[in-house]
C-alpha atoms as a PDB file:
ATOM      1  CA  MET A   1       0.000   0.000   0.000  1.00  0.00           C
ATOM      2  CA  THR A   2       1.527   3.277  -1.131  1.00  0.00           C
ATOM      3  CA  VAL A   3       0.884   6.167   1.226  1.00  0.00           C
ATOM      4  CA  ARG A   4       0.918   9.770   0.060  1.00  0.00           C
ATOM      5  CA  ILE A   5       0.875  12.972   2.050  1.00  0.00           C
ATOM      6  CA  ARG A   6      -1.443  15.227   0.090  1.00  0.00           C
ATOM      7  CA  LEU A   7      -4.054  17.954   0.268  1.00  0.00           C
ATOM      8  CA  GLN A   8      -7.747  17.250   0.800  1.00  0.00           C
ATOM      9  CA  ARG A   9      -9.930  20.155  -0.292  1.00  0.00           C
ATOM     10  CA  THR A  10     -12.419  21.655   2.140  1.00  0.00           C
ATOM     11  CA  GLY A  11     -13.994  25.080   2.387  1.00  0.00           C
ATOM     12  CA  LEU A  12     -16.385  26.937   0.154  1.00  0.00           C
ATOM     13  CA  ARG A  13     -16.574  27.636  -3.531  1.00  0.00           C
ATOM     14  CA  ASN A  14     -14.060  30.387  -4.411  1.00  0.00           C
ATOM     15  CA  ASN A  15     -12.659  30.154  -0.869  1.00  0.00           C
ATOM     16  CA  PRO A  16     -10.690  26.910  -0.627  1.00  0.00           C
ATOM     17  CA  SER A  17      -8.906  25.525   2.376  1.00  0.00           C
ATOM     18  CA  TYR A  18      -7.143  22.208   2.586  1.00  0.00           C
ATOM     19  CA  ARG A  19      -6.394  19.472   5.079  1.00  0.00           C
ATOM     20  CA  ILE A  20      -2.959  17.915   4.949  1.00  0.00           C
ATOM     21  CA  VAL A  21      -3.580  14.174   5.192  1.00  0.00           C
ATOM     22  CA  ALA A  22      -1.804  10.847   4.897  1.00  0.00           C
ATOM     23  CA  ALA A  23      -3.872   8.664   2.578  1.00  0.00           C
ATOM     24  CA  ASN A  24      -3.619   5.607   0.392  1.00  0.00           C
ATOM     25  CA  ALA A  25      -2.441   6.707  -3.057  1.00  0.00           C
ATOM     26  CA  ARG A  26      -5.415   5.024  -4.755  1.00  0.00           C
ATOM     27  CA  THR A  27      -8.167   6.736  -2.765  1.00  0.00           C
ATOM     28  CA  LYS A  28     -10.090   9.729  -4.047  1.00  0.00           C
ATOM     29  CA  ARG A  29      -8.903  13.242  -3.300  1.00  0.00           C
ATOM     30  CA  ASP A  30     -11.631  13.770  -0.724  1.00  0.00           C
ATOM     31  CA  GLY A  31     -11.886  10.109   0.274  1.00  0.00           C
ATOM     32  CA  LYS A  32     -11.013   8.386   3.513  1.00  0.00           C
ATOM     33  CA  CYS A  33      -7.626   9.290   4.955  1.00  0.00           C
ATOM     34  CA  LEU A  34      -5.341   7.367   7.285  1.00  0.00           C
ATOM     35  CA  GLU A  35      -4.522  10.402   9.433  1.00  0.00           C
ATOM     36  CA  ARG A  36      -5.079  14.158   9.430  1.00  0.00           C
ATOM     37  CA  LEU A  37      -1.737  15.891   9.754  1.00  0.00           C
ATOM     38  CA  GLY A  38      -2.692  19.550   9.549  1.00  0.00           C
ATOM     39  CA  SER A  39      -4.324  22.276   7.501  1.00  0.00           C
ATOM     40  CA  TYR A  40      -3.378  24.791   4.810  1.00  0.00           C
ATOM     41  CA  ASN A  41      -5.234  27.986   3.931  1.00  0.00           C
ATOM     42  CA  PRO A  42      -3.923  29.384   0.620  1.00  0.00           C
ATOM     43  CA  VAL A  43      -6.104  32.506   0.760  1.00  0.00           C
ATOM     44  CA  PRO A  44      -4.012  35.337   2.218  1.00  0.00           C
ATOM     45  CA  ASP A  45      -5.419  37.095   5.259  1.00  0.00           C
ATOM     46  CA  GLN A  46      -5.378  40.883   5.740  1.00  0.00           C
ATOM     47  CA  SER A  47      -1.650  40.889   6.458  1.00  0.00           C
ATOM     48  CA  GLY A  48      -0.986  38.895   3.264  1.00  0.00           C
ATOM     49  CA  THR A  49       0.148  35.641   4.886  1.00  0.00           C
ATOM     50  CA  LYS A  50      -1.003  32.139   4.044  1.00  0.00           C
ATOM     51  CA  HIS A  51      -1.423  29.821   7.020  1.00  0.00           C
ATOM     52  CA  VAL A  52      -0.056  26.288   7.336  1.00  0.00           C
ATOM     53  CA  HIS A  53      -0.505  24.277  10.525  1.00  0.00           C
ATOM     54  CA  TRP A  54       0.665  20.693  10.944  1.00  0.00           C
ATOM     55  CA  ASN A  55       1.977  18.192  13.432  1.00  0.00           C
ATOM     56  CA  ALA A  56       5.638  18.062  12.395  1.00  0.00           C
ATOM     57  CA  GLU A  57       6.335  14.901  14.401  1.00  0.00           C
ATOM     58  CA  ARG A  58       3.619  12.960  12.587  1.00  0.00           C
ATOM     59  CA  VAL A  59       4.740  14.310   9.206  1.00  0.00           C
ATOM     60  CA  GLN A  60       8.291  13.146   9.996  1.00  0.00           C
ATOM     61  CA  TYR A  61       6.904   9.744  11.033  1.00  0.00           C
ATOM     62  CA  TRP A  62       4.996   9.260   7.786  1.00  0.00           C
ATOM     63  CA  LEU A  63       8.018  10.341   5.739  1.00  0.00           C
ATOM     64  CA  SER A  64      10.207   7.891   7.693  1.00  0.00           C
ATOM     65  CA  VAL A  65       7.919   4.944   6.905  1.00  0.00           C
ATOM     66  CA  GLY A  66       8.003   5.751   3.179  1.00  0.00           C
ATOM     67  CA  ALA A  67       5.080   8.089   2.503  1.00  0.00           C
ATOM     68  CA  GLN A  68       5.578  10.190  -0.614  1.00  0.00           C
ATOM     69  CA  PRO A  69       4.487  13.847  -0.458  1.00  0.00           C
ATOM     70  CA  SER A  70       2.588  15.324  -3.385  1.00  0.00           C
ATOM     71  CA  ASP A  71       4.310  18.121  -5.313  1.00  0.00           C
ATOM     72  CA  THR A  72       2.429  20.872  -3.486  1.00  0.00           C
ATOM     73  CA  VAL A  73       2.967  19.351  -0.052  1.00  0.00           C
ATOM     74  CA  ALA A  74       6.646  18.794  -0.866  1.00  0.00           C
ATOM     75  CA  ARG A  75       7.004  22.509  -1.676  1.00  0.00           C
ATOM     76  CA  LEU A  76       5.361  23.402   1.636  1.00  0.00           C
ATOM     77  CA  LEU A  77       7.646  20.992   3.509  1.00  0.00           C
ATOM     78  CA  VAL A  78      10.732  22.488   1.864  1.00  0.00           C
ATOM     79  CA  LYS A  79       9.631  25.998   2.879  1.00  0.00           C
ATOM     80  CA  ALA A  80       9.131  24.783   6.453  1.00  0.00           C
ATOM     81  CA  GLY A  81      12.555  23.126   6.515  1.00  0.00           C
ATOM     82  CA  ILE A  82      11.229  19.604   7.056  1.00  0.00           C
ATOM     83  CA  LEU A  83      12.475  18.355   3.675  1.00  0.00           C
ATOM     84  CA  PRO A  84      15.814  19.335   2.124  1.00  0.00           C
ATOM     85  CA  THR A  85      15.757  21.520  -0.965  1.00  0.00           C
ATOM     86  CA  PRO A  86      15.738  19.297  -4.057  1.00  0.00           C
ATOM     87  CA  PRO A  87      18.560  19.770  -6.555  1.00  0.00           C
ATOM     88  CA  PRO A  88      17.662  22.005  -9.503  1.00  0.00           C
ATOM     89  CA  ARG A  89      16.393  20.313 -12.625  1.00  0.00           C
ATOM     90  CA  TYR A  90      18.464  21.119 -15.666  1.00  0.00           C
ATOM     91  CA  THR A  91      16.925  20.653 -19.052  1.00  0.00           C
ATOM     92  CA  THR A  92      19.233  19.971 -21.934  1.00  0.00           C
ATOM     93  CA  LEU A  93      18.582  21.915 -25.061  1.00  0.00           C
ATOM     94  CA  PRO A  94      19.363  20.240 -28.362  1.00  0.00           C
ATOM     95  CA  SER A  95      22.742  21.425 -29.551  1.00  0.00           C
ATOM     96  CA  VAL A  96      23.128  22.726 -33.050  1.00  0.00           C
ATOM     97  CA  THR A  97      25.775  20.745 -34.906  1.00  0.00           C
ATOM     98  CA  GLU A  98      28.444  22.320 -37.058  1.00  0.00           C
ATOM     99  CA  ALA A  99      26.788  20.958 -40.197  1.00  0.00           C
ATOM    100  CA  ALA A 100      23.478  22.570 -39.260  1.00  0.00           C
ATOM    101  CA  LYS A 101      25.240  25.870 -38.531  1.00  0.00           C
ATOM    102  CA  ALA A 102      26.936  25.748 -41.940  1.00  0.00           C
ATOM    103  CA  ALA A 103      23.618  25.020 -43.667  1.00  0.00           C
ATOM    104  CA  ILE A 104      21.962  27.973 -41.926  1.00  0.00           C
ATOM    105  CA  GLN A 105      24.850  30.275 -42.858  1.00  0.00           C
ATOM    106  CA  ALA A 106      24.759  29.098 -46.494  1.00  0.00           C
ATOM    107  CA  HIS A 107      21.015  29.701 -46.647  1.00  0.00           C
ATOM    108  CA  LYS A 108      21.460  33.242 -45.336  1.00  0.00           C
ATOM    109  CA  GLU A 109      24.207  34.027 -47.872  1.00  0.00           C
ATOM    110  CA  ALA A 110      22.363  32.523 -50.857  1.00  0.00           C
ATOM    111  CA  PRO A 111      21.392  35.169 -53.444  1.00  0.00           C
ATOM    112  CA  THR A 112      17.704  35.822 -53.834  1.00  0.00           C
ATOM    113  CA  ALA A 113      16.091  36.437 -57.222  1.00  0.00           C
END
């Protein structure tokens, strides 16, 4: 059984709030959870802060037994200092070969009628 730490949506329409839960990876987003770990309110309050509350000990426990955080929860855990910052992802761009460069240069220099 794969366990994920993810967000479970609660709140009203146009005013979401989320529970941070440990749940089986195959259950629905708002389905039964194994344990409630905290809450997250992404709507900024008057001072402009977003609130995250969780039980850090239980989050550490679930991570230690192999639970995988979702992308959003992983970002929140990195900001809180519970998870280490992941290494940056480098994308490799296709390199232009010398032959392709020569063909482009020849096309530019070709006389037009």
